[in-house]
N, C-alpha and C. Protein backbone atom coordinates (compact mmCIF):
# COMPACT_ATOMS: atom_id res chain seq x y z
N UNK A 1 -7.59 9.34 26.50
CA UNK A 1 -7.10 9.78 25.19
C UNK A 1 -6.06 8.80 24.69
N UNK A 2 -5.99 8.63 23.39
CA UNK A 2 -5.00 7.76 22.75
C UNK A 2 -4.19 8.62 21.79
N UNK A 3 -2.99 8.99 22.20
CA UNK A 3 -2.16 9.84 21.36
C UNK A 3 -1.43 9.03 20.29
N UNK A 4 -1.10 7.78 20.62
CA UNK A 4 -0.36 6.94 19.68
C UNK A 4 -0.53 5.48 20.07
N UNK A 5 -0.38 4.61 19.09
CA UNK A 5 -0.33 3.17 19.32
C UNK A 5 1.04 2.68 18.88
N UNK A 6 1.73 1.97 19.76
CA UNK A 6 3.06 1.45 19.46
C UNK A 6 2.98 -0.07 19.48
N UNK A 7 3.27 -0.69 18.35
CA UNK A 7 3.17 -2.14 18.30
C UNK A 7 3.72 -2.70 17.01
N UNK A 8 3.47 -3.99 16.81
CA UNK A 8 3.99 -4.69 15.64
C UNK A 8 2.96 -4.69 14.51
N UNK A 9 3.44 -4.46 13.30
CA UNK A 9 2.56 -4.47 12.13
C UNK A 9 2.22 -5.91 11.77
N UNK A 10 0.93 -6.22 11.82
CA UNK A 10 0.47 -7.58 11.51
C UNK A 10 0.01 -7.68 10.06
N UNK A 11 -0.68 -6.66 9.60
CA UNK A 11 -1.21 -6.69 8.23
C UNK A 11 -1.43 -5.25 7.75
N UNK A 12 -1.19 -5.05 6.46
CA UNK A 12 -1.41 -3.74 5.84
C UNK A 12 -2.27 -3.93 4.60
N UNK A 13 -3.33 -3.12 4.50
CA UNK A 13 -4.10 -3.06 3.26
C UNK A 13 -4.03 -1.62 2.75
N UNK A 14 -4.77 -1.32 1.70
CA UNK A 14 -4.68 0.01 1.09
C UNK A 14 -5.05 1.13 2.05
N UNK A 15 -5.97 0.87 2.97
CA UNK A 15 -6.42 1.94 3.86
C UNK A 15 -6.55 1.51 5.32
N UNK A 16 -5.86 0.42 5.70
CA UNK A 16 -5.95 -0.03 7.08
C UNK A 16 -4.68 -0.76 7.51
N UNK A 17 -4.30 -0.54 8.76
CA UNK A 17 -3.16 -1.25 9.35
C UNK A 17 -3.66 -2.01 10.58
N UNK A 18 -3.26 -3.26 10.70
CA UNK A 18 -3.56 -4.05 11.89
C UNK A 18 -2.28 -4.06 12.73
N UNK A 19 -2.37 -3.51 13.94
CA UNK A 19 -1.21 -3.38 14.81
C UNK A 19 -1.45 -4.13 16.10
N UNK A 20 -0.51 -5.00 16.48
CA UNK A 20 -0.61 -5.73 17.74
C UNK A 20 0.21 -4.99 18.80
N UNK A 21 -0.48 -4.54 19.83
CA UNK A 21 0.18 -3.85 20.94
C UNK A 21 -0.21 -4.58 22.22
N UNK A 22 0.74 -5.28 22.83
CA UNK A 22 0.43 -6.10 23.98
C UNK A 22 -0.46 -7.25 23.56
N UNK A 23 -1.57 -7.44 24.26
CA UNK A 23 -2.50 -8.52 23.95
C UNK A 23 -3.68 -8.06 23.10
N UNK A 24 -3.56 -6.87 22.53
CA UNK A 24 -4.64 -6.33 21.71
C UNK A 24 -4.16 -6.10 20.28
N UNK A 25 -5.08 -6.27 19.33
CA UNK A 25 -4.80 -5.92 17.94
C UNK A 25 -5.74 -4.78 17.55
N UNK A 26 -5.18 -3.70 17.02
CA UNK A 26 -5.95 -2.52 16.65
C UNK A 26 -6.10 -2.45 15.14
N UNK A 27 -7.32 -2.22 14.68
CA UNK A 27 -7.57 -1.95 13.26
C UNK A 27 -7.57 -0.43 13.11
N UNK A 28 -6.55 0.10 12.44
CA UNK A 28 -6.33 1.54 12.36
C UNK A 28 -6.44 1.99 10.90
N UNK A 29 -7.33 2.92 10.64
CA UNK A 29 -7.46 3.47 9.29
C UNK A 29 -6.26 4.37 9.00
N UNK A 30 -5.71 4.28 7.80
CA UNK A 30 -4.54 5.07 7.42
C UNK A 30 -4.73 5.61 6.01
N UNK A 31 -3.94 6.62 5.65
CA UNK A 31 -3.96 7.12 4.29
C UNK A 31 -3.20 6.15 3.38
N UNK A 32 -3.40 6.28 2.09
CA UNK A 32 -2.71 5.42 1.14
C UNK A 32 -1.20 5.61 1.24
N UNK A 33 -0.75 6.85 1.49
CA UNK A 33 0.68 7.11 1.60
C UNK A 33 1.28 6.47 2.84
N UNK A 34 0.55 6.52 3.96
CA UNK A 34 1.04 5.86 5.17
C UNK A 34 1.05 4.36 4.98
N UNK A 35 0.01 3.81 4.34
CA UNK A 35 -0.05 2.38 4.08
C UNK A 35 1.15 1.94 3.23
N UNK A 36 1.49 2.75 2.24
CA UNK A 36 2.63 2.43 1.38
C UNK A 36 3.93 2.42 2.17
N UNK A 37 4.11 3.43 3.03
CA UNK A 37 5.33 3.52 3.85
C UNK A 37 5.43 2.32 4.79
N UNK A 38 4.32 1.93 5.38
CA UNK A 38 4.32 0.79 6.30
C UNK A 38 4.59 -0.52 5.55
N UNK A 39 4.07 -0.63 4.33
CA UNK A 39 4.27 -1.84 3.54
C UNK A 39 5.75 -2.05 3.18
N UNK A 40 6.48 -0.94 3.10
CA UNK A 40 7.90 -1.02 2.74
C UNK A 40 8.80 -1.41 3.90
N UNK A 41 8.23 -1.46 5.11
CA UNK A 41 9.02 -1.87 6.27
C UNK A 41 9.27 -3.38 6.20
N UNK A 42 10.48 -3.78 6.58
CA UNK A 42 10.84 -5.19 6.51
C UNK A 42 11.39 -5.67 7.85
N UNK A 43 11.14 -6.94 8.17
CA UNK A 43 11.74 -7.56 9.33
C UNK A 43 11.51 -6.81 10.63
N UNK A 44 12.61 -6.47 11.31
CA UNK A 44 12.54 -5.79 12.60
C UNK A 44 11.94 -4.40 12.49
N UNK A 45 11.95 -3.81 11.28
CA UNK A 45 11.36 -2.48 11.10
C UNK A 45 9.86 -2.49 11.36
N UNK A 46 9.24 -3.67 11.26
CA UNK A 46 7.80 -3.78 11.46
C UNK A 46 7.43 -3.95 12.93
N UNK A 47 8.44 -3.97 13.80
CA UNK A 47 8.19 -4.12 15.23
C UNK A 47 8.29 -2.76 15.93
N UNK A 48 7.47 -2.59 16.95
CA UNK A 48 7.46 -1.37 17.76
C UNK A 48 7.31 -0.11 16.89
N UNK A 49 6.42 -0.18 15.92
CA UNK A 49 6.13 0.97 15.06
C UNK A 49 5.17 1.91 15.81
N UNK A 50 5.45 3.20 15.76
CA UNK A 50 4.61 4.18 16.45
C UNK A 50 3.71 4.89 15.45
N UNK A 51 2.41 4.74 15.64
CA UNK A 51 1.43 5.45 14.82
C UNK A 51 0.72 6.49 15.68
N UNK A 52 0.85 7.76 15.31
CA UNK A 52 0.09 8.81 15.97
C UNK A 52 -1.37 8.63 15.61
N UNK A 53 -2.27 8.88 16.53
CA UNK A 53 -3.66 8.55 16.27
C UNK A 53 -4.62 9.70 16.54
N UNK A 54 -5.78 9.58 15.92
CA UNK A 54 -6.94 10.42 16.21
C UNK A 54 -8.10 9.47 16.45
N UNK A 55 -8.78 9.64 17.57
CA UNK A 55 -9.93 8.80 17.88
C UNK A 55 -11.20 9.48 17.38
N UNK A 56 -11.92 8.81 16.52
CA UNK A 56 -13.18 9.33 15.98
C UNK A 56 -14.33 8.64 16.68
N UNK A 57 -15.13 9.41 17.38
CA UNK A 57 -16.25 8.85 18.13
C UNK A 57 -17.57 9.28 17.51
N UNK A 58 -18.37 8.31 17.17
CA UNK A 58 -19.70 8.55 16.63
C UNK A 58 -20.72 7.85 17.53
N UNK A 59 -21.98 8.19 17.36
CA UNK A 59 -23.02 7.59 18.18
C UNK A 59 -23.05 6.07 18.03
N UNK A 60 -22.73 5.58 16.83
CA UNK A 60 -22.83 4.15 16.58
C UNK A 60 -21.49 3.46 16.34
N UNK A 61 -20.38 4.19 16.49
CA UNK A 61 -19.08 3.55 16.23
C UNK A 61 -17.93 4.37 16.80
N UNK A 62 -16.79 3.69 16.95
CA UNK A 62 -15.53 4.36 17.31
C UNK A 62 -14.45 3.82 16.39
N UNK A 63 -13.57 4.69 15.93
CA UNK A 63 -12.50 4.25 15.04
C UNK A 63 -11.23 5.04 15.32
N UNK A 64 -10.09 4.41 15.02
CA UNK A 64 -8.79 5.05 15.16
C UNK A 64 -8.23 5.35 13.78
N UNK A 65 -7.71 6.55 13.64
CA UNK A 65 -7.01 6.95 12.42
C UNK A 65 -5.54 7.09 12.77
N UNK A 66 -4.65 6.51 11.95
CA UNK A 66 -3.22 6.51 12.29
C UNK A 66 -2.36 7.25 11.28
N UNK A 67 -1.27 7.84 11.78
CA UNK A 67 -0.36 8.63 10.95
C UNK A 67 1.08 8.40 11.41
N UNK A 68 1.98 8.30 10.45
CA UNK A 68 3.40 8.17 10.79
C UNK A 68 4.00 9.52 11.18
N UNK A 69 3.49 10.60 10.60
CA UNK A 69 4.04 11.92 10.84
C UNK A 69 3.00 12.83 11.49
N UNK A 70 3.46 13.67 12.43
CA UNK A 70 2.55 14.61 13.09
C UNK A 70 1.99 15.64 12.12
N UNK A 71 2.77 15.97 11.07
CA UNK A 71 2.29 16.94 10.09
C UNK A 71 1.08 16.39 9.33
N UNK A 72 1.08 15.08 9.07
CA UNK A 72 -0.06 14.47 8.37
C UNK A 72 -1.29 14.46 9.28
N UNK A 73 -1.08 14.19 10.57
CA UNK A 73 -2.21 14.21 11.50
C UNK A 73 -2.79 15.62 11.61
N UNK A 74 -1.96 16.62 11.68
CA UNK A 74 -2.45 17.99 11.78
C UNK A 74 -3.19 18.40 10.51
N UNK A 75 -2.66 17.99 9.35
CA UNK A 75 -3.34 18.29 8.09
C UNK A 75 -4.72 17.62 8.05
N UNK A 76 -4.79 16.39 8.53
CA UNK A 76 -6.07 15.67 8.59
C UNK A 76 -7.09 16.44 9.44
N UNK A 77 -6.66 16.94 10.59
CA UNK A 77 -7.57 17.69 11.47
C UNK A 77 -8.00 19.00 10.83
N UNK A 78 -7.07 19.69 10.19
CA UNK A 78 -7.39 20.98 9.59
C UNK A 78 -8.29 20.83 8.38
N UNK A 79 -8.09 19.78 7.61
CA UNK A 79 -8.93 19.57 6.42
C UNK A 79 -10.40 19.44 6.81
N UNK A 80 -10.66 18.87 7.97
CA UNK A 80 -12.05 18.67 8.40
C UNK A 80 -12.72 19.96 8.87
N UNK A 81 -11.96 21.04 8.95
CA UNK A 81 -12.57 22.33 9.25
C UNK A 81 -13.18 22.95 7.99
N UNK A 82 -12.89 22.36 6.83
CA UNK A 82 -13.43 22.86 5.57
C UNK A 82 -14.83 22.27 5.37
N UNK A 83 -15.78 23.12 5.07
CA UNK A 83 -17.16 22.68 4.87
C UNK A 83 -17.24 21.58 3.82
N UNK A 84 -17.89 20.49 4.18
CA UNK A 84 -18.10 19.40 3.23
C UNK A 84 -17.04 18.32 3.25
N UNK A 85 -15.95 18.53 4.02
CA UNK A 85 -14.90 17.52 4.09
C UNK A 85 -14.98 16.80 5.43
N UNK A 86 -15.21 15.49 5.36
CA UNK A 86 -15.27 14.67 6.56
C UNK A 86 -14.07 13.77 6.68
N UNK A 87 -14.17 12.77 7.54
CA UNK A 87 -13.05 11.87 7.82
C UNK A 87 -12.59 11.14 6.56
N UNK A 88 -13.52 10.50 5.86
CA UNK A 88 -13.14 9.70 4.69
C UNK A 88 -12.52 10.55 3.59
N UNK A 89 -13.09 11.74 3.38
CA UNK A 89 -12.56 12.57 2.31
C UNK A 89 -11.20 13.15 2.69
N UNK A 90 -11.00 13.48 3.96
CA UNK A 90 -9.70 13.99 4.41
C UNK A 90 -8.63 12.92 4.22
N UNK A 91 -8.95 11.67 4.53
CA UNK A 91 -8.00 10.57 4.32
C UNK A 91 -7.69 10.39 2.83
N UNK A 92 -8.73 10.52 2.00
CA UNK A 92 -8.53 10.36 0.56
C UNK A 92 -7.63 11.47 0.01
N UNK A 93 -7.84 12.69 0.50
CA UNK A 93 -7.01 13.81 0.05
C UNK A 93 -5.55 13.57 0.39
N UNK A 94 -5.28 13.17 1.64
CA UNK A 94 -3.90 12.96 2.07
C UNK A 94 -3.28 11.72 1.44
N UNK A 95 -4.14 10.82 0.93
CA UNK A 95 -3.62 9.67 0.20
C UNK A 95 -3.20 10.03 -1.20
N UNK A 96 -3.67 11.19 -1.69
CA UNK A 96 -3.38 11.58 -3.07
C UNK A 96 -2.35 12.67 -3.22
N UNK A 97 -1.87 13.24 -2.09
CA UNK A 97 -0.90 14.33 -2.18
C UNK A 97 -0.12 14.41 -0.86
N UNK A 98 1.15 14.74 -0.95
CA UNK A 98 1.95 14.87 0.27
C UNK A 98 1.55 16.14 1.01
N UNK A 99 1.85 16.19 2.30
CA UNK A 99 1.50 17.37 3.09
C UNK A 99 2.20 18.61 2.54
N UNK A 100 3.47 18.48 2.22
CA UNK A 100 4.20 19.65 1.69
C UNK A 100 3.58 20.15 0.39
N UNK A 101 3.27 19.25 -0.52
CA UNK A 101 2.67 19.66 -1.79
C UNK A 101 1.28 20.24 -1.59
N UNK A 102 0.56 19.72 -0.60
CA UNK A 102 -0.76 20.25 -0.29
C UNK A 102 -0.65 21.69 0.19
N UNK A 103 0.27 21.96 1.09
CA UNK A 103 0.45 23.33 1.61
C UNK A 103 0.86 24.27 0.49
N UNK A 104 1.78 23.82 -0.37
CA UNK A 104 2.23 24.67 -1.48
C UNK A 104 1.08 24.97 -2.44
N UNK A 105 0.23 23.97 -2.69
CA UNK A 105 -0.92 24.16 -3.58
C UNK A 105 -1.92 25.13 -2.98
N UNK A 106 -2.16 25.01 -1.67
CA UNK A 106 -3.08 25.92 -0.99
C UNK A 106 -2.56 27.34 -1.00
N UNK A 107 -1.29 27.52 -0.67
CA UNK A 107 -0.73 28.86 -0.56
C UNK A 107 -0.60 29.55 -1.91
N UNK A 108 -0.40 28.77 -2.98
CA UNK A 108 -0.27 29.36 -4.31
C UNK A 108 -1.62 29.44 -5.03
N UNK A 109 -2.66 28.90 -4.40
CA UNK A 109 -3.98 28.90 -5.04
C UNK A 109 -4.04 28.01 -6.26
N UNK A 110 -3.30 26.90 -6.22
CA UNK A 110 -3.22 26.00 -7.37
C UNK A 110 -4.46 25.10 -7.43
N UNK A 111 -5.55 25.65 -7.95
CA UNK A 111 -6.81 24.93 -8.01
C UNK A 111 -6.71 23.72 -8.94
N UNK A 112 -5.91 23.83 -10.00
CA UNK A 112 -5.77 22.73 -10.94
C UNK A 112 -5.19 21.50 -10.25
N UNK A 113 -4.15 21.69 -9.44
CA UNK A 113 -3.53 20.57 -8.73
C UNK A 113 -4.49 19.99 -7.69
N UNK A 114 -5.14 20.84 -6.93
CA UNK A 114 -6.06 20.36 -5.91
C UNK A 114 -7.22 19.58 -6.54
N UNK A 115 -7.70 20.06 -7.67
CA UNK A 115 -8.83 19.40 -8.34
C UNK A 115 -8.45 18.06 -8.95
N UNK A 116 -7.13 17.84 -9.10
CA UNK A 116 -6.68 16.57 -9.68
C UNK A 116 -6.62 15.45 -8.64
N UNK A 117 -6.75 15.79 -7.35
CA UNK A 117 -6.75 14.78 -6.30
C UNK A 117 -8.04 13.98 -6.40
N UNK A 118 -7.97 12.66 -6.36
CA UNK A 118 -9.19 11.84 -6.47
C UNK A 118 -10.25 12.25 -5.44
N UNK A 119 -11.46 12.48 -5.94
CA UNK A 119 -12.56 12.85 -5.05
C UNK A 119 -12.69 14.33 -4.79
N UNK A 120 -11.76 15.13 -5.32
CA UNK A 120 -11.80 16.58 -5.10
C UNK A 120 -12.06 17.28 -6.43
N UNK A 121 -13.18 17.95 -6.54
CA UNK A 121 -13.49 18.72 -7.74
C UNK A 121 -13.14 20.18 -7.54
N UNK A 122 -13.36 21.00 -8.56
CA UNK A 122 -13.04 22.43 -8.47
C UNK A 122 -13.74 23.14 -7.31
N UNK A 123 -14.99 22.78 -7.05
CA UNK A 123 -15.75 23.45 -5.99
C UNK A 123 -15.12 23.20 -4.63
N UNK A 124 -14.80 21.93 -4.33
CA UNK A 124 -14.18 21.60 -3.05
C UNK A 124 -12.78 22.16 -2.97
N UNK A 125 -12.06 22.12 -4.08
CA UNK A 125 -10.72 22.69 -4.11
C UNK A 125 -10.72 24.17 -3.78
N UNK A 126 -11.71 24.89 -4.31
CA UNK A 126 -11.83 26.32 -4.02
C UNK A 126 -12.14 26.56 -2.54
N UNK A 127 -12.99 25.71 -1.97
CA UNK A 127 -13.30 25.82 -0.54
C UNK A 127 -12.04 25.62 0.30
N UNK A 128 -11.21 24.67 -0.10
CA UNK A 128 -9.97 24.39 0.63
C UNK A 128 -9.04 25.59 0.60
N UNK A 129 -8.93 26.21 -0.59
CA UNK A 129 -8.06 27.38 -0.72
C UNK A 129 -8.56 28.52 0.16
N UNK A 130 -9.85 28.78 0.12
CA UNK A 130 -10.42 29.88 0.90
C UNK A 130 -10.27 29.65 2.40
N UNK A 131 -10.41 28.39 2.84
CA UNK A 131 -10.37 28.09 4.27
C UNK A 131 -8.96 27.92 4.82
N UNK A 132 -8.03 27.40 4.00
CA UNK A 132 -6.73 27.01 4.54
C UNK A 132 -5.53 27.73 3.94
N UNK A 133 -5.76 28.57 2.94
CA UNK A 133 -4.64 29.29 2.33
C UNK A 133 -3.95 30.17 3.35
N UNK A 134 -2.63 30.05 3.43
CA UNK A 134 -1.81 30.82 4.37
C UNK A 134 -2.17 30.57 5.83
N UNK A 135 -2.81 29.44 6.09
CA UNK A 135 -3.16 29.09 7.47
C UNK A 135 -2.13 28.13 8.07
N UNK A 136 -1.61 27.22 7.24
CA UNK A 136 -0.69 26.20 7.72
C UNK A 136 0.70 26.35 7.12
N UNK A 137 1.71 26.04 7.93
CA UNK A 137 3.09 26.09 7.46
C UNK A 137 3.84 24.89 8.01
N UNK A 138 4.93 24.53 7.35
CA UNK A 138 5.84 23.52 7.86
C UNK A 138 7.03 24.23 8.49
N UNK A 139 7.45 23.77 9.68
CA UNK A 139 8.62 24.37 10.29
C UNK A 139 9.88 23.70 9.74
N UNK A 140 11.02 23.99 10.34
CA UNK A 140 12.29 23.49 9.83
C UNK A 140 12.40 21.96 9.92
N UNK A 141 11.62 21.36 10.82
CA UNK A 141 11.65 19.91 10.97
C UNK A 141 10.50 19.24 10.23
N UNK A 142 9.87 19.97 9.29
CA UNK A 142 8.73 19.45 8.53
C UNK A 142 7.55 19.10 9.43
N UNK A 143 7.44 19.81 10.56
CA UNK A 143 6.29 19.68 11.42
C UNK A 143 5.33 20.81 11.09
N UNK A 144 4.04 20.49 10.95
CA UNK A 144 3.09 21.50 10.54
C UNK A 144 2.43 22.14 11.75
N UNK A 145 2.41 23.47 11.74
CA UNK A 145 1.75 24.23 12.80
C UNK A 145 0.95 25.35 12.15
N UNK A 146 -0.14 25.78 12.79
CA UNK A 146 -0.88 26.91 12.26
C UNK A 146 0.01 28.14 12.17
N UNK A 147 -0.08 28.85 11.07
CA UNK A 147 0.72 30.07 10.90
C UNK A 147 0.39 31.05 12.01
N UNK A 148 1.43 31.61 12.60
CA UNK A 148 1.24 32.57 13.67
C UNK A 148 1.17 31.92 15.04
N UNK A 149 1.12 30.59 15.10
CA UNK A 149 1.08 29.93 16.40
C UNK A 149 2.40 30.10 17.10
N UNK A 150 2.36 30.43 18.35
CA UNK A 150 3.58 30.65 19.11
C UNK A 150 4.29 29.32 19.35
N UNK A 151 5.62 29.39 19.46
CA UNK A 151 6.38 28.18 19.79
C UNK A 151 5.96 27.67 21.17
N UNK A 152 5.56 28.60 22.04
CA UNK A 152 5.12 28.21 23.37
C UNK A 152 3.93 27.28 23.29
N UNK A 153 2.91 27.63 22.50
CA UNK A 153 1.73 26.78 22.40
C UNK A 153 2.04 25.48 21.68
N UNK A 154 2.92 25.50 20.70
CA UNK A 154 3.21 24.29 19.93
C UNK A 154 3.82 23.20 20.81
N UNK A 155 4.43 23.57 21.95
CA UNK A 155 4.97 22.59 22.88
C UNK A 155 3.88 21.73 23.48
N UNK A 156 2.65 22.26 23.49
CA UNK A 156 1.54 21.57 24.13
C UNK A 156 0.54 21.04 23.11
N UNK A 157 1.00 20.77 21.89
CA UNK A 157 0.11 20.34 20.81
C UNK A 157 -0.55 19.00 21.11
N UNK A 158 0.13 18.13 21.87
CA UNK A 158 -0.47 16.83 22.20
C UNK A 158 -1.71 17.01 23.06
N UNK A 159 -1.66 17.97 24.01
CA UNK A 159 -2.83 18.23 24.86
C UNK A 159 -3.97 18.79 24.02
N UNK A 160 -3.65 19.75 23.15
CA UNK A 160 -4.67 20.36 22.30
C UNK A 160 -5.35 19.30 21.44
N UNK A 161 -4.54 18.43 20.82
CA UNK A 161 -5.09 17.37 19.98
C UNK A 161 -5.97 16.43 20.78
N UNK A 162 -5.53 16.07 21.98
CA UNK A 162 -6.31 15.15 22.82
C UNK A 162 -7.66 15.75 23.18
N UNK A 163 -7.68 17.04 23.52
CA UNK A 163 -8.94 17.69 23.90
C UNK A 163 -9.88 17.84 22.71
N UNK A 164 -9.31 18.14 21.55
CA UNK A 164 -10.13 18.23 20.33
C UNK A 164 -10.72 16.86 20.00
N UNK A 165 -9.92 15.78 20.19
CA UNK A 165 -10.41 14.43 19.95
C UNK A 165 -11.56 14.08 20.88
N UNK A 166 -11.60 14.72 22.05
CA UNK A 166 -12.67 14.48 23.01
C UNK A 166 -13.95 15.24 22.65
N UNK A 167 -13.87 16.06 21.59
CA UNK A 167 -15.06 16.75 21.11
C UNK A 167 -15.12 18.23 21.39
N UNK A 168 -14.07 18.78 22.02
CA UNK A 168 -14.08 20.22 22.32
C UNK A 168 -13.63 21.03 21.11
N UNK A 169 -14.14 22.25 21.01
CA UNK A 169 -13.82 23.13 19.89
C UNK A 169 -12.35 23.53 19.92
N UNK A 170 -11.66 23.38 18.77
CA UNK A 170 -10.21 23.63 18.72
C UNK A 170 -9.87 25.07 19.11
N UNK A 171 -10.61 26.03 18.58
CA UNK A 171 -10.30 27.43 18.88
C UNK A 171 -10.43 27.72 20.37
N UNK A 172 -11.52 27.18 20.99
CA UNK A 172 -11.71 27.38 22.42
C UNK A 172 -10.60 26.71 23.22
N UNK A 173 -10.20 25.53 22.81
CA UNK A 173 -9.12 24.81 23.50
C UNK A 173 -7.82 25.61 23.43
N UNK A 174 -7.49 26.11 22.23
CA UNK A 174 -6.25 26.87 22.07
C UNK A 174 -6.26 28.14 22.91
N UNK A 175 -7.40 28.83 22.94
CA UNK A 175 -7.51 30.04 23.75
C UNK A 175 -7.34 29.72 25.23
N UNK A 176 -7.94 28.62 25.67
CA UNK A 176 -7.86 28.23 27.07
C UNK A 176 -6.43 27.84 27.46
N UNK A 177 -5.74 27.12 26.58
CA UNK A 177 -4.35 26.74 26.86
C UNK A 177 -3.48 27.99 26.97
N UNK A 178 -3.69 28.95 26.08
CA UNK A 178 -2.93 30.21 26.15
C UNK A 178 -3.19 30.91 27.48
N UNK A 179 -4.46 30.94 27.91
CA UNK A 179 -4.81 31.58 29.18
C UNK A 179 -4.12 30.89 30.35
N UNK A 180 -4.14 29.56 30.34
CA UNK A 180 -3.54 28.82 31.44
C UNK A 180 -2.02 28.95 31.45
N UNK A 181 -1.41 29.03 30.29
CA UNK A 181 0.04 29.23 30.22
C UNK A 181 0.43 30.57 30.83
N UNK A 182 -0.40 31.58 30.58
CA UNK A 182 -0.12 32.91 31.13
C UNK A 182 -0.37 32.96 32.64
N UNK A 183 -1.48 32.36 33.09
CA UNK A 183 -1.84 32.42 34.50
C UNK A 183 -0.95 31.56 35.39
N UNK A 184 -0.44 30.47 34.84
CA UNK A 184 0.37 29.53 35.63
C UNK A 184 1.82 29.49 35.17
N UNK A 185 2.30 30.62 34.66
CA UNK A 185 3.63 30.68 34.07
C UNK A 185 4.72 30.19 35.01
N UNK A 186 4.74 30.70 36.24
CA UNK A 186 5.80 30.34 37.19
C UNK A 186 5.71 28.88 37.61
N UNK A 187 4.49 28.40 37.84
CA UNK A 187 4.31 27.00 38.24
C UNK A 187 4.76 26.06 37.14
N UNK A 188 4.34 26.35 35.91
CA UNK A 188 4.69 25.49 34.77
C UNK A 188 6.20 25.47 34.56
N UNK A 189 6.85 26.62 34.75
CA UNK A 189 8.30 26.71 34.56
C UNK A 189 9.05 25.84 35.57
N UNK A 190 8.42 25.60 36.72
CA UNK A 190 9.09 24.82 37.78
C UNK A 190 8.87 23.32 37.63
N UNK A 191 8.01 22.92 36.70
CA UNK A 191 7.68 21.51 36.52
C UNK A 191 8.38 20.92 35.31
N UNK A 192 8.49 19.60 35.31
CA UNK A 192 8.95 18.90 34.11
C UNK A 192 7.85 18.94 33.07
N UNK A 193 8.19 18.59 31.83
CA UNK A 193 7.21 18.71 30.75
C UNK A 193 5.99 17.82 31.00
N UNK A 194 6.21 16.59 31.45
CA UNK A 194 5.10 15.67 31.68
C UNK A 194 4.17 16.18 32.78
N UNK A 195 4.77 16.65 33.88
CA UNK A 195 3.95 17.16 34.98
C UNK A 195 3.19 18.42 34.56
N UNK A 196 3.85 19.27 33.75
CA UNK A 196 3.19 20.49 33.26
C UNK A 196 2.03 20.13 32.34
N UNK A 197 2.20 19.10 31.50
CA UNK A 197 1.11 18.64 30.63
C UNK A 197 -0.09 18.19 31.46
N UNK A 198 0.19 17.44 32.52
CA UNK A 198 -0.90 16.95 33.38
C UNK A 198 -1.65 18.11 34.02
N UNK A 199 -0.90 19.12 34.48
CA UNK A 199 -1.51 20.30 35.09
C UNK A 199 -2.41 21.02 34.09
N UNK A 200 -1.89 21.28 32.90
CA UNK A 200 -2.66 21.99 31.88
C UNK A 200 -3.90 21.20 31.47
N UNK A 201 -3.75 19.89 31.36
CA UNK A 201 -4.90 19.05 30.97
C UNK A 201 -5.98 19.10 32.02
N UNK A 202 -5.60 19.01 33.31
CA UNK A 202 -6.60 19.07 34.39
C UNK A 202 -7.31 20.41 34.42
N UNK A 203 -6.53 21.49 34.24
CA UNK A 203 -7.13 22.83 34.24
C UNK A 203 -8.07 23.01 33.05
N UNK A 204 -7.66 22.50 31.91
CA UNK A 204 -8.48 22.65 30.71
C UNK A 204 -9.81 21.92 30.88
N UNK A 205 -9.75 20.67 31.38
CA UNK A 205 -10.97 19.89 31.59
C UNK A 205 -11.89 20.61 32.55
N UNK A 206 -11.34 21.23 33.59
CA UNK A 206 -12.15 21.92 34.60
C UNK A 206 -12.95 23.06 33.98
N UNK A 207 -12.30 23.82 33.08
CA UNK A 207 -12.96 24.97 32.49
C UNK A 207 -13.83 24.62 31.27
N UNK A 208 -13.51 23.51 30.63
CA UNK A 208 -14.28 23.09 29.45
C UNK A 208 -15.53 22.31 29.83
N UNK A 209 -15.49 21.67 30.98
CA UNK A 209 -16.63 20.82 31.42
C UNK A 209 -17.88 21.65 31.66
């Protein structure tokens, strides 16, 4: 799994960042807003930049999608649960509206604003409202989590994201993580966060395989 790429910004275009990490250069697809933020970095700010990633695996290709903020990555994943919205359209949506404004538009049913996003018409906007209205919220640190998600589960969001990136169903993964947290409560409490993550990941793979 690739949770993030940390490296130096070599080149930025409207929808792609070239990042050098060690002896490798990664071509990472980004939203227009992330591209703009990266373009504004100067000098030393362009070194050791951390991009959170989602690995997209297809039969004929593999690609990395990068995000500066975890809330944008979560919005990207949730948008793809809406019928008819794929990777390219999710990136286009997030390039045309901030995550906070997107959540406010969804929760208020602001179809006019959603329909004004490039590539999104009234029909798709209505689908987004029906599928995601009152589903996502921003916490006090502007981190996005599903409404009603326990703080306990949100601690393990990196594992959930990694397993979903591997092709497992998000709902099944979340249910399994909750089950493992309950069954291994005492063991997990005795471990450090990294060791507990490794334990949960191994258990999840065992039951998902």
